[in-house]
Amino acid sequence: MNKIELNLDKNKKYVVACSFGPDSMALLALAIKNKLQIVVAHVNYRKREAAVYEQKALEKFCEERNIKIYVLDLLKVKTVGNFQEWARETRYKFFKKVAEEEKADAVLVAHQQDDVIETYLMQKKRNNFVKNPGISDKIELFGVKIIRPLLGYSKQQLQAFDDENRIPYSVDESNLTDHYSRNKIRHQIVEKLSEEERQKILREIGGKQTISIELKTTWELNEFLNLSYEQILTLLDFFMEKSKRHSDLSKKYVDEIKKAFKSESFSSFDITSNLRLEAEYGSVFIVNLQRLIHYEIHFEGKTRNEFLEIDFSNGAEDRNIKIQDKLIVKNTDINSVLIINDYEYPINRAFIDWKMPHYLREVWPAIYNEKGEMLYVPRYRKSFKDKHKSKFLIKTEYFTEF
């Protein structure tokens, strides 16, 4: 058989994700053979009778070779929603925890060539655009760096490596059925491919064009509307990855977004629970919903955090604020009224006049006294230069950072 190489940096430390299946055991054995710095991470879902045996066999394998192993036993843990999605998120969060504890550089996962082909055929069946056809060899998932060093080798090659080197493994019996769509593709198509047919599909995957797109969070409206469906998917996929949430976006849904953005003065789409698209005032914003928080900060003279900095330590008369013992900065109550030279100025009206984006209205700061009376709201302008001597800096880009 062809020699299998990992081509990984021996000066780095890795977490090897191992299920005790033939692919992951081949990966573990190769990591040992290449004298990599490793620890092992194993998840026991307790869904099969063989799960306990597999865990004990893997623990014994690691103990005999003096390899540290972490086990996540989910015996008493209830699944939430779709099991496959829940299991995926659970294991990668566990891998991240192990990697952080061990100060490892990345997690090694044993996806192989058959997985690449299966994934690509499933993507084609769904007829949805994907940024990376098949499977990427390197990716960040749920906040952890993932490396898949075996994508160039077939399942048959890896199992032959195990058998030749007497590496123990167990075959998940659920993979032998056609219960899942992936299993049907595996058994009915991939396993029956000739070498010529296999190489043809791999060439097709490799020939897919890379999509070029600037990964920014603020766009001119016309510029955004001129983006192709593939470019918008690539853009949103990047920020979904950053926000650790994902959603499959069809061409029809993207067309609905474009139509709404073109025809309405303000339009908003929550792409995931952490990511929102907003369009208004000739701009499109990609907003990090995790940063749209409610806050209340009591301070004397000065205060600062990730998105604002206030310095009234030398007075704030230039803002018509009489410094009291304590001041409070918090989210502006949009239903309140600001008094300017005995004139009542409704805050919601002010925000409209200032052409403030909706997402900023949720977090825009105002100064209050301890009685709860509003003293001051800083003015917003898209390109506003503050000429006051007292400092009130608002870092609006904070809310579109991921």
Protein backbone atom coordinates (compact mmCIF):
# COMPACT_ATOMS: atom_id res chain seq x y z
CA MET A 1 0.00 0.00 0.00
CA ASN A 2 1.02 3.68 -0.40
CA LYS A 3 2.95 5.15 2.49
CA ILE A 4 0.78 7.39 4.68
CA GLU A 5 2.34 10.68 5.82
CA LEU A 6 1.00 13.21 8.33
CA ASN A 7 3.35 16.13 7.51
CA LEU A 8 2.77 17.87 10.83
CA ASP A 9 5.10 20.07 12.89
CA LYS A 10 6.80 17.97 15.60
CA ASN A 11 7.46 21.10 17.65
CA LYS A 12 3.74 21.66 18.16
CA LYS A 13 1.31 19.89 20.46
CA TYR A 14 -1.91 18.27 19.26
CA VAL A 15 -5.13 16.81 20.60
CA VAL A 16 -6.04 13.64 18.69
CA ALA A 17 -9.82 13.19 18.47
CA CYS A 18 -10.31 9.43 18.66
CA SER A 19 -13.52 7.38 18.57
CA PHE A 20 -11.72 3.99 18.40
CA GLY A 21 -12.96 3.60 14.83
CA PRO A 22 -10.48 2.50 12.11
CA ASP A 23 -9.87 6.03 10.79
CA SER A 24 -9.15 7.70 14.12
CA MET A 25 -7.07 4.75 15.36
CA ALA A 26 -4.96 4.99 12.19
CA LEU A 27 -4.51 8.71 12.91
CA LEU A 28 -3.50 8.00 16.51
CA ALA A 29 -1.08 5.26 15.47
CA LEU A 30 0.48 7.52 12.82
CA ALA A 31 0.84 10.36 15.35
CA ILE A 32 2.66 7.96 17.68
CA LYS A 33 4.81 6.62 14.82
CA ASN A 34 5.77 10.20 13.86
CA LYS A 35 6.62 10.97 17.51
CA LEU A 36 4.23 13.93 17.71
CA GLN A 37 3.43 15.61 21.02
CA ILE A 38 -0.14 14.43 21.61
CA VAL A 39 -2.96 13.85 24.05
CA VAL A 40 -6.15 11.96 23.15
CA ALA A 41 -9.76 13.13 23.47
CA HIS A 42 -12.62 10.61 23.36
CA VAL A 43 -16.39 11.19 23.56
CA ASN A 44 -18.65 8.37 24.78
CA TYR A 45 -22.23 9.18 23.74
CA ARG A 46 -23.55 5.99 25.40
CA LYS A 47 -25.75 5.35 22.38
CA ARG A 48 -24.45 1.84 21.59
CA GLU A 49 -23.72 -1.29 23.59
CA ALA A 50 -20.13 -1.31 22.32
CA ALA A 51 -19.44 2.26 23.55
CA VAL A 52 -18.15 1.20 26.98
CA TYR A 53 -15.91 -1.48 25.47
CA GLU A 54 -14.50 1.04 22.98
CA GLN A 55 -13.74 3.54 25.71
CA LYS A 56 -11.95 0.96 27.87
CA ALA A 57 -10.01 -0.44 24.90
CA LEU A 58 -8.85 3.05 23.92
CA GLU A 59 -7.89 3.88 27.51
CA LYS A 60 -5.84 0.66 27.65
CA PHE A 61 -4.18 1.44 24.30
CA CYS A 62 -3.16 4.90 25.57
CA GLU A 63 -2.08 3.64 29.00
CA GLU A 64 0.25 1.04 27.44
CA ARG A 65 1.92 3.83 25.45
CA ASN A 66 1.94 6.40 28.25
CA ILE A 67 -0.38 8.76 26.38
CA LYS A 68 -2.68 11.07 28.34
CA ILE A 69 -6.36 10.62 27.49
CA TYR A 70 -9.40 12.79 28.24
CA VAL A 71 -12.85 11.17 28.17
CA LEU A 72 -16.23 12.92 28.00
CA ASP A 73 -18.81 10.41 29.28
CA LEU A 74 -22.35 11.56 28.37
CA LEU A 75 -24.18 8.85 30.32
CA LYS A 76 -26.37 11.28 32.29
CA VAL A 77 -26.52 14.09 29.72
CA LYS A 78 -29.76 14.67 27.79
CA THR A 79 -29.54 15.53 24.11
CA VAL A 80 -30.99 18.85 22.94
CA GLY A 81 -32.74 19.10 19.56
CA ASN A 82 -31.27 17.24 16.58
CA PHE A 83 -28.86 14.62 17.95
CA GLN A 84 -26.29 14.91 15.15
CA GLU A 85 -26.03 18.70 15.52
CA TRP A 86 -25.99 18.49 19.32
CA ALA A 87 -23.32 15.77 19.28
CA ARG A 88 -21.13 17.75 16.89
CA GLU A 89 -21.27 20.92 18.99
CA THR A 90 -20.74 18.95 22.22
CA ARG A 91 -17.63 17.13 21.02
CA TYR A 92 -15.96 20.19 19.49
CA LYS A 93 -16.54 22.24 22.62
CA PHE A 94 -14.95 19.35 24.56
CA PHE A 95 -11.99 19.30 22.14
CA LYS A 96 -11.59 23.05 22.64
CA LYS A 97 -11.56 22.61 26.43
CA VAL A 98 -8.90 19.89 26.22
CA ALA A 99 -6.80 21.95 23.79
CA GLU A 100 -6.93 24.96 26.12
CA GLU A 101 -6.05 22.90 29.19
CA GLU A 102 -3.12 21.22 27.41
CA LYS A 103 -2.06 24.42 25.61
CA ALA A 104 -2.24 22.45 22.37
CA ASP A 105 -1.89 24.14 18.99
CA ALA A 106 -4.70 22.26 17.23
CA VAL A 107 -7.04 19.26 17.23
CA LEU A 108 -6.39 16.45 14.76
CA VAL A 109 -9.53 14.85 13.26
CA ALA A 110 -9.49 11.69 11.14
CA HIS A 111 -11.74 12.67 8.25
CA GLN A 112 -10.51 10.95 5.08
CA GLN A 113 -11.00 10.90 1.33
CA ASP A 114 -14.29 8.99 1.42
CA ASP A 115 -15.67 11.64 3.78
CA VAL A 116 -14.64 14.35 1.30
CA ILE A 117 -16.51 12.63 -1.53
CA GLU A 118 -19.58 11.85 0.61
CA THR A 119 -19.80 15.46 1.82
CA TYR A 120 -19.43 16.84 -1.72
CA LEU A 121 -22.14 14.54 -3.09
CA MET A 122 -24.46 15.58 -0.23
CA GLN A 123 -23.75 19.25 -0.99
CA LYS A 124 -24.63 18.68 -4.65
CA LYS A 125 -27.82 16.86 -3.68
CA ARG A 126 -28.97 19.79 -1.51
CA ASN A 127 -28.13 22.17 -4.40
CA ASN A 128 -26.91 24.84 -1.96
CA PHE A 129 -23.76 26.86 -2.49
CA VAL A 130 -20.89 26.06 -0.13
CA LYS A 131 -17.70 28.05 0.30
CA ASN A 132 -15.45 25.00 0.44
CA PRO A 133 -16.67 21.98 -1.60
CA GLY A 134 -16.02 18.72 0.21
CA ILE A 135 -14.06 19.15 3.45
CA SER A 136 -11.33 21.69 4.29
CA ASP A 137 -8.04 20.39 5.63
CA LYS A 138 -7.82 23.27 8.14
CA ILE A 139 -10.64 25.16 9.78
CA GLU A 140 -11.61 26.89 13.01
CA LEU A 141 -14.74 25.37 14.54
CA PHE A 142 -16.43 26.45 17.78
CA GLY A 143 -13.31 28.43 18.61
CA VAL A 144 -10.75 25.63 18.13
CA LYS A 145 -8.31 25.04 15.25
CA ILE A 146 -9.04 21.76 13.46
CA ILE A 147 -6.55 19.96 11.19
CA ARG A 148 -7.57 16.99 9.01
CA PRO A 149 -4.29 15.44 7.84
CA LEU A 150 -5.78 12.28 6.25
CA LEU A 151 -7.95 13.77 3.48
CA GLY A 152 -5.62 12.40 0.82
CA TYR A 153 -6.17 8.76 1.87
CA SER A 154 -9.18 6.50 1.40
CA LYS A 155 -10.97 4.61 4.15
CA GLN A 156 -9.72 1.38 2.60
CA GLN A 157 -6.09 2.57 2.82
CA LEU A 158 -6.44 3.53 6.49
CA GLN A 159 -8.10 0.27 7.46
CA ALA A 160 -5.39 -1.64 5.59
CA PHE A 161 -2.79 0.33 7.58
CA ASP A 162 -4.52 -0.72 10.83
CA ASP A 163 -4.64 -4.36 9.82
CA GLU A 164 -1.02 -4.46 8.64
CA ASN A 165 0.21 -2.84 11.85
CA ARG A 166 -2.16 -4.74 14.16
CA ILE A 167 -3.84 -1.56 15.38
CA PRO A 168 -7.05 -2.37 17.29
CA TYR A 169 -10.29 -0.67 16.24
CA SER A 170 -14.04 -1.11 16.34
CA VAL A 171 -16.58 -0.53 13.57
CA ASP A 172 -19.68 1.50 14.54
CA GLU A 173 -22.60 -0.74 13.59
CA SER A 174 -24.82 2.28 12.89
CA ASN A 175 -22.53 3.10 9.95
CA LEU A 176 -23.43 -0.23 8.37
CA THR A 177 -27.11 0.71 7.92
CA ASP A 178 -28.74 3.11 5.45
CA HIS A 179 -30.64 4.91 8.22
CA TYR A 180 -28.89 8.25 7.56
CA SER A 181 -28.60 10.03 4.18
CA ARG A 182 -24.81 10.02 4.45
CA ASN A 183 -24.81 6.24 4.96
CA LYS A 184 -26.93 5.75 1.83
CA ILE A 185 -24.47 7.80 -0.23
CA ARG A 186 -21.56 5.89 1.35
CA HIS A 187 -22.91 2.39 0.71
CA GLN A 188 -24.84 2.93 -2.51
CA ILE A 189 -22.42 5.27 -4.30
CA VAL A 190 -18.98 5.91 -2.76
CA GLU A 191 -18.10 2.31 -1.90
CA LYS A 192 -19.01 1.26 -5.45
CA LEU A 193 -16.86 3.90 -7.20
CA SER A 194 -14.06 2.68 -9.42
CA GLU A 195 -10.67 4.34 -8.94
CA GLU A 196 -11.23 6.28 -12.17
CA GLU A 197 -14.66 7.52 -10.99
CA ARG A 198 -13.22 8.44 -7.59
CA GLN A 199 -10.42 10.51 -9.15
CA LYS A 200 -12.89 12.24 -11.48
CA ILE A 201 -14.97 13.44 -8.49
CA LEU A 202 -11.85 14.56 -6.64
CA ARG A 203 -10.75 16.57 -9.71
CA GLU A 204 -14.22 18.11 -9.86
CA ILE A 205 -13.94 19.17 -6.21
CA GLY A 206 -10.45 20.57 -6.72
CA GLY A 207 -11.56 22.51 -9.78
CA LYS A 208 -14.23 24.50 -8.00
CA GLN A 209 -13.48 28.22 -8.24
CA THR A 210 -12.49 30.11 -5.08
CA ILE A 211 -14.86 33.01 -4.36
CA SER A 212 -13.22 36.42 -3.91
CA ILE A 213 -14.86 38.76 -1.38
CA GLU A 214 -13.68 41.45 1.03
CA LEU A 215 -14.53 40.33 4.56
CA LYS A 216 -15.82 43.62 5.96
CA THR A 217 -18.88 44.31 8.13
CA THR A 218 -20.03 47.64 6.65
CA TRP A 219 -20.97 47.98 2.99
CA GLU A 220 -22.39 50.66 0.75
CA LEU A 221 -25.89 49.46 -0.15
CA ASN A 222 -25.36 49.41 -3.93
CA GLU A 223 -22.03 47.63 -3.47
CA PHE A 224 -23.72 44.91 -1.39
CA LEU A 225 -26.63 44.53 -3.83
CA ASN A 226 -24.14 43.94 -6.65
CA LEU A 227 -22.53 41.01 -4.87
CA SER A 228 -23.28 37.57 -6.29
CA TYR A 229 -25.15 34.92 -4.34
CA GLU A 230 -21.88 33.00 -3.93
CA GLN A 231 -20.07 36.08 -2.61
CA ILE A 232 -22.79 36.85 -0.04
CA LEU A 233 -22.77 33.22 1.11
CA THR A 234 -18.97 33.30 1.46
CA LEU A 235 -19.17 36.58 3.41
CA LEU A 236 -21.88 35.41 5.80
CA ASP A 237 -20.29 31.98 6.20
CA PHE A 238 -17.10 33.68 7.41
CA PHE A 239 -18.91 35.65 10.12
CA MET A 240 -21.12 32.70 11.09
CA GLU A 241 -17.91 30.76 11.65
CA LYS A 242 -16.56 33.64 13.77
CA SER A 243 -19.74 33.79 15.85
CA LYS A 244 -19.82 29.99 16.30
CA ARG A 245 -23.31 29.62 14.83
CA HIS A 246 -24.33 28.38 11.40
CA SER A 247 -27.36 28.47 9.15
CA ASP A 248 -27.90 27.08 5.65
CA LEU A 249 -28.87 29.99 3.39
CA SER A 250 -30.60 29.18 0.13
CA LYS A 251 -30.43 31.33 -3.00
CA LYS A 252 -34.12 32.12 -2.53
CA TYR A 253 -33.47 33.49 0.98
CA VAL A 254 -30.56 35.65 -0.25
CA ASP A 255 -32.81 36.97 -3.05
CA GLU A 256 -35.40 37.92 -0.38
CA ILE A 257 -32.72 39.82 1.54
CA LYS A 258 -31.64 41.72 -1.56
CA LYS A 259 -35.25 42.52 -2.51
CA ALA A 260 -36.02 43.87 0.97
CA PHE A 261 -32.81 45.90 1.11
CA LYS A 262 -33.57 47.42 -2.29
CA SER A 263 -37.19 48.37 -1.60
CA GLU A 264 -37.37 49.36 2.09
CA SER A 265 -35.86 52.30 3.97
CA PHE A 266 -34.96 49.95 6.84
CA SER A 267 -34.76 46.18 6.76
CA SER A 268 -33.29 43.61 9.13
CA PHE A 269 -32.59 39.86 8.93
CA ASP A 270 -31.38 37.73 11.84
CA ILE A 271 -29.15 35.22 10.03
CA THR A 272 -28.34 33.31 13.23
CA SER A 273 -28.91 33.98 16.93
CA ASN A 274 -25.59 35.85 16.94
CA LEU A 275 -25.57 37.61 13.56
CA ARG A 276 -27.87 40.20 12.00
CA LEU A 277 -27.94 41.98 8.63
CA GLU A 278 -29.34 45.54 8.63
CA ALA A 279 -29.78 47.95 5.74
CA GLU A 280 -30.61 51.67 6.06
CA TYR A 281 -29.35 55.11 5.12
CA GLY A 282 -27.55 53.70 2.09
CA SER A 283 -25.47 51.19 4.06
CA VAL A 284 -25.55 47.51 5.01
CA PHE A 285 -24.26 46.44 8.43
CA ILE A 286 -23.29 42.97 9.66
CA VAL A 287 -23.99 43.17 13.40
CA ASN A 288 -22.65 40.98 16.20
CA LEU A 289 -25.75 40.45 18.34
CA GLN A 290 -23.66 39.20 21.25
CA ARG A 291 -22.36 42.74 21.67
CA LEU A 292 -25.76 44.46 21.80
CA ILE A 293 -25.90 44.47 25.59
CA HIS A 294 -27.70 46.35 28.35
CA TYR A 295 -25.34 48.09 30.75
CA GLU A 296 -25.34 50.57 33.65
CA ILE A 297 -22.05 52.03 34.86
CA HIS A 298 -21.77 54.30 37.90
CA PHE A 299 -18.71 56.55 37.77
CA GLU A 300 -17.09 59.69 39.13
CA GLY A 301 -15.10 61.74 36.68
CA LYS A 302 -14.07 59.06 34.22
CA THR A 303 -14.80 55.52 33.05
CA ARG A 304 -13.95 53.27 30.09
CA ASN A 305 -14.71 49.80 28.71
CA GLU A 306 -14.50 48.00 25.37
CA PHE A 307 -16.72 50.44 23.46
CA LEU A 308 -16.74 53.77 25.31
CA GLU A 309 -14.43 56.13 27.15
CA ILE A 310 -15.60 59.09 29.24
CA ASP A 311 -13.42 61.68 30.95
CA PHE A 312 -15.26 64.44 32.83
CA SER A 313 -12.58 64.69 35.53
CA ASN A 314 -11.89 68.33 34.57
CA GLY A 315 -15.57 69.20 34.17
CA ALA A 316 -18.17 68.76 31.44
CA GLU A 317 -19.71 72.22 31.27
CA ASP A 318 -18.96 72.19 27.54
CA ARG A 319 -21.69 69.56 27.34
CA ASN A 320 -24.05 71.48 29.63
CA ILE A 321 -23.52 68.91 32.38
CA LYS A 322 -23.06 70.07 35.95
CA ILE A 323 -20.79 67.51 37.55
CA GLN A 324 -22.42 65.84 40.52
CA ASP A 325 -20.96 63.36 43.02
CA LYS A 326 -21.87 60.41 40.84
CA LEU A 327 -23.00 59.96 37.27
CA ILE A 328 -24.47 56.97 35.47
CA VAL A 329 -23.92 55.96 31.85
CA LYS A 330 -26.34 53.41 30.41
CA ASN A 331 -28.39 52.51 27.34
CA THR A 332 -30.46 55.48 26.21
CA ASP A 333 -34.18 55.19 26.89
CA ILE A 334 -35.55 55.86 23.41
CA ASN A 335 -38.93 56.84 24.88
CA SER A 336 -37.42 59.64 26.97
CA VAL A 337 -37.17 63.34 26.20
CA LEU A 338 -34.02 65.43 26.21
CA ILE A 339 -34.36 69.06 27.33
CA ILE A 340 -32.23 71.43 25.22
CA ASN A 341 -32.57 75.16 26.07
CA ASP A 342 -36.05 74.55 27.53
CA TYR A 343 -36.99 72.71 24.34
CA GLU A 344 -38.25 69.12 24.55
CA TYR A 345 -36.48 66.88 22.05
CA PRO A 346 -37.84 63.28 21.96
CA ILE A 347 -34.90 60.87 21.81
CA ASN A 348 -36.50 58.63 19.16
CA ARG A 349 -36.93 61.74 16.98
CA ALA A 350 -33.30 62.73 17.60
CA PHE A 351 -32.07 59.30 16.52
CA ILE A 352 -34.00 59.59 13.26
CA ASP A 353 -32.75 63.13 12.62
CA TRP A 354 -29.19 62.00 13.28
CA LYS A 355 -29.67 59.05 10.88
CA MET A 356 -28.43 56.64 13.53
CA PRO A 357 -28.45 52.94 12.49
CA HIS A 358 -31.02 50.86 14.39
CA TYR A 359 -28.44 48.58 15.98
CA LEU A 360 -26.69 51.59 17.56
CA ARG A 361 -29.99 52.83 19.00
CA GLU A 362 -30.07 49.67 21.13
CA VAL A 363 -26.72 50.46 22.77
CA TRP A 364 -26.24 54.24 22.43
CA PRO A 365 -25.10 55.67 25.79
CA ALA A 366 -26.64 58.53 27.76
CA ILE A 367 -25.62 60.26 31.00
CA TYR A 368 -28.04 60.20 33.93
CA ASN A 369 -27.88 61.48 37.50
CA GLU A 370 -28.61 59.28 40.51
CA LYS A 371 -32.27 60.34 40.41
CA GLY A 372 -32.54 58.76 36.97
CA GLU A 373 -32.84 62.11 35.18
CA MET A 374 -31.30 62.23 31.72
CA LEU A 375 -28.57 64.86 31.54
CA TYR A 376 -26.94 64.30 28.17
CA VAL A 377 -26.99 62.20 25.00
CA PRO A 378 -23.95 62.44 22.70
CA ARG A 379 -24.80 63.40 19.14
CA TYR A 380 -24.34 60.82 16.38
CA ARG A 381 -23.05 61.53 12.91
CA LYS A 382 -21.60 59.07 10.41
CA SER A 383 -18.41 61.15 10.26
CA PHE A 384 -18.71 63.27 13.42
CA LYS A 385 -15.67 64.96 14.97
CA ASP A 386 -16.07 65.72 18.65
CA LYS A 387 -14.59 69.17 19.41
CA HIS A 388 -15.47 69.17 23.13
CA LYS A 389 -12.65 69.45 25.66
CA SER A 390 -14.27 66.79 27.81
CA LYS A 391 -14.00 63.30 26.34
CA PHE A 392 -16.93 61.06 25.35
CA LEU A 393 -15.60 58.48 22.88
CA ILE A 394 -17.92 55.79 21.47
CA LYS A 395 -16.28 53.00 19.46
CA THR A 396 -19.18 52.15 17.16
CA GLU A 397 -17.12 49.56 15.23
CA TYR A 398 -17.14 47.42 18.40
CA PHE A 399 -20.67 46.25 17.60
CA THR A 400 -19.72 44.93 14.17
CA GLU A 401 -16.58 43.11 15.29
CA PHE A 402 -16.56 39.31 15.54
